[in-house]
C-alpha atoms as a PDB file:
ATOM      1  CA  MET A   1     148.640  76.513 151.547  1.00  0.00           C
ATOM      2  CA  ASP A   2     151.726  78.309 152.888  1.00  0.00           C
ATOM      3  CA  SER A   3     155.010  76.510 153.375  1.00  0.00           C
ATOM      4  CA  GLN A   4     157.711  78.594 155.042  1.00  0.00           C
ATOM      5  CA  ARG A   5     160.333  76.085 154.461  1.00  0.00           C
ATOM      6  CA  TRP A   6     159.949  75.894 150.697  1.00  0.00           C
ATOM      7  CA  GLY A   7     158.402  79.445 150.374  1.00  0.00           C
ATOM      8  CA  ASP A   8     155.279  77.873 148.530  1.00  0.00           C
ATOM      9  CA  HIS A   9     152.027  79.922 148.474  1.00  0.00           C
ATOM     10  CA  GLN A  10     148.701  78.975 146.990  1.00  0.00           C
ATOM     11  CA  TYR A  11     145.749  81.544 146.994  1.00  0.00           C
ATOM     12  CA  VAL A  12     142.159  80.548 146.021  1.00  0.00           C
ATOM     13  CA  LEU A  13     140.369  83.142 144.235  1.00  0.00           C
ATOM     14  CA  ALA A  14     136.617  83.347 144.362  1.00  0.00           C
ATOM     15  CA  ALA A  15     136.275  83.741 140.674  1.00  0.00           C
ATOM     16  CA  PRO A  16     136.136  81.298 137.916  1.00  0.00           C
ATOM     17  CA  PHE A  17     139.232  80.881 135.680  1.00  0.00           C
ATOM     18  CA  PRO A  18     137.610  82.198 132.485  1.00  0.00           C
ATOM     19  CA  THR A  19     136.809  85.414 134.493  1.00  0.00           C
ATOM     20  CA  ALA A  20     139.963  85.745 136.485  1.00  0.00           C
ATOM     21  CA  GLY A  21     142.673  84.012 134.413  1.00  0.00           C
ATOM     22  CA  ALA A  22     143.441  86.813 132.076  1.00  0.00           C
ATOM     23  CA  LEU A  23     143.290  89.469 134.689  1.00  0.00           C
ATOM     24  CA  ILE A  24     145.816  87.735 137.052  1.00  0.00           C
ATOM     25  CA  ARG A  25     147.855  86.779 134.071  1.00  0.00           C
ATOM     26  CA  ARG A  26     148.149  90.703 133.049  1.00  0.00           C
ATOM     27  CA  PHE A  27     148.920  91.539 136.807  1.00  0.00           C
ATOM     28  CA  VAL A  28     151.750  88.868 136.959  1.00  0.00           C
ATOM     29  CA  GLU A  29     153.475  89.944 133.617  1.00  0.00           C
ATOM     30  CA  ASP A  30     153.068  93.710 134.550  1.00  0.00           C
ATOM     31  CA  THR A  31     154.696  93.065 137.975  1.00  0.00           C
ATOM     32  CA  CYS A  32     157.330  91.154 136.345  1.00  0.00           C
ATOM     33  CA  LEU A  33     158.083  93.763 133.910  1.00  0.00           C
ATOM     34  CA  ALA A  34     158.103  96.619 136.500  1.00  0.00           C
ATOM     35  CA  ARG A  35     160.613  94.400 138.549  1.00  0.00           C
ATOM     36  CA  THR A  36     162.953  93.745 135.682  1.00  0.00           C
ATOM     37  CA  LEU A  37     162.820  97.219 134.561  1.00  0.00           C
ATOM     38  CA  ALA A  38     163.755  98.467 138.082  1.00  0.00           C
ATOM     39  CA  GLU A  39     166.500  96.175 138.227  1.00  0.00           C
ATOM     40  CA  GLU A  40     167.617  97.025 134.884  1.00  0.00           C
ATOM     41  CA  SER A  41     167.565  93.398 133.753  1.00  0.00           C
ATOM     42  CA  PRO A  42     166.163  91.765 130.528  1.00  0.00           C
ATOM     43  CA  ALA A  43     162.467  91.454 130.531  1.00  0.00           C
ATOM     44  CA  THR A  44     162.333  88.657 128.098  1.00  0.00           C
ATOM     45  CA  ALA A  45     161.096  86.246 130.782  1.00  0.00           C
ATOM     46  CA  CYS A  46     157.863  88.132 131.800  1.00  0.00           C
ATOM     47  CA  THR A  47     155.461  86.407 129.430  1.00  0.00           C
ATOM     48  CA  MET A  48     153.385  83.698 130.940  1.00  0.00           C
ATOM     49  CA  GLN A  49     153.191  80.338 128.992  1.00  0.00           C
ATOM     50  CA  ALA A  50     149.869  78.774 128.202  1.00  0.00           C
ATOM     51  CA  THR A  51     149.548  75.381 129.583  1.00  0.00           C
ATOM     52  CA  ASP A  52     146.786  72.730 129.294  1.00  0.00           C
ATOM     53  CA  ASP A  53     145.047  74.181 132.288  1.00  0.00           C
ATOM     54  CA  GLY A  54     146.078  77.685 132.554  1.00  0.00           C
ATOM     55  CA  PHE A  55     149.337  79.847 132.567  1.00  0.00           C
ATOM     56  CA  TYR A  56     152.815  79.414 134.021  1.00  0.00           C
ATOM     57  CA  LEU A  57     155.768  81.892 134.459  1.00  0.00           C
ATOM     58  CA  PRO A  58     159.088  80.091 135.303  1.00  0.00           C
ATOM     59  CA  SER A  59     161.060  82.042 137.628  1.00  0.00           C
ATOM     60  CA  SER A  60     163.973  79.582 137.944  1.00  0.00           C
ATOM     61  CA  ASP A  61     164.981  76.169 137.199  1.00  0.00           C
ATOM     62  CA  ALA A  62     163.174  75.238 140.604  1.00  0.00           C
ATOM     63  CA  GLY A  63     159.809  77.127 140.659  1.00  0.00           C
ATOM     64  CA  GLY A  64     157.528  79.639 139.280  1.00  0.00           C
ATOM     65  CA  ILE A  65     153.893  80.938 139.179  1.00  0.00           C
ATOM     66  CA  TRP A  66     150.860  79.066 138.113  1.00  0.00           C
ATOM     67  CA  ILE A  67     147.412  80.217 137.410  1.00  0.00           C
ATOM     68  CA  HIS A  68     144.685  77.612 136.758  1.00  0.00           C
ATOM     69  CA  ALA A  69     141.007  76.586 137.474  1.00  0.00           C
ATOM     70  CA  ASP A  70     140.671  74.952 140.944  1.00  0.00           C
ATOM     71  CA  PRO A  71     140.056  71.388 140.041  1.00  0.00           C
ATOM     72  CA  ASP A  72     137.776  70.866 143.076  1.00  0.00           C
ATOM     73  CA  ASP A  73     135.535  73.836 142.183  1.00  0.00           C
ATOM     74  CA  ALA A  74     134.964  75.560 138.761  1.00  0.00           C
ATOM     75  CA  ALA A  75     133.817  78.749 140.466  1.00  0.00           C
ATOM     76  CA  ARG A  76     137.408  79.272 141.866  1.00  0.00           C
ATOM     77  CA  THR A  77     140.819  79.992 140.435  1.00  0.00           C
ATOM     78  CA  LEU A  78     144.133  78.964 141.931  1.00  0.00           C
ATOM     79  CA  TYR A  79     147.141  81.376 141.945  1.00  0.00           C
ATOM     80  CA  VAL A  80     150.157  79.315 142.992  1.00  0.00           C
ATOM     81  CA  GLU A  81     153.864  80.389 143.698  1.00  0.00           C
ATOM     82  CA  ALA A  82     156.087  77.490 144.190  1.00  0.00           C
ATOM     83  CA  TRP A  83     159.852  77.200 144.879  1.00  0.00           C
ATOM     84  CA  ALA A  84     162.069  74.319 145.584  1.00  0.00           C
ATOM     85  CA  ASP A  85     165.586  73.849 146.826  1.00  0.00           C
END
């Protein structure tokens, strides 16, 4: 899914969540930390929160990044960036 109007993106990874979840979480947190250090802003918001079905990193009041198992196929993981106006 890719919505130009809202800037939403969903990527389907061909790996089960137990395998991919922690790796993608570390990538998201490391990328967030590098960006905040480059911008010299506080990095306190770079730790993903555990949810019932994966991880979530809020990026604003209106969006964030989710990593969770694909509910339609346990052999896949979803990486979702969602932003709302």
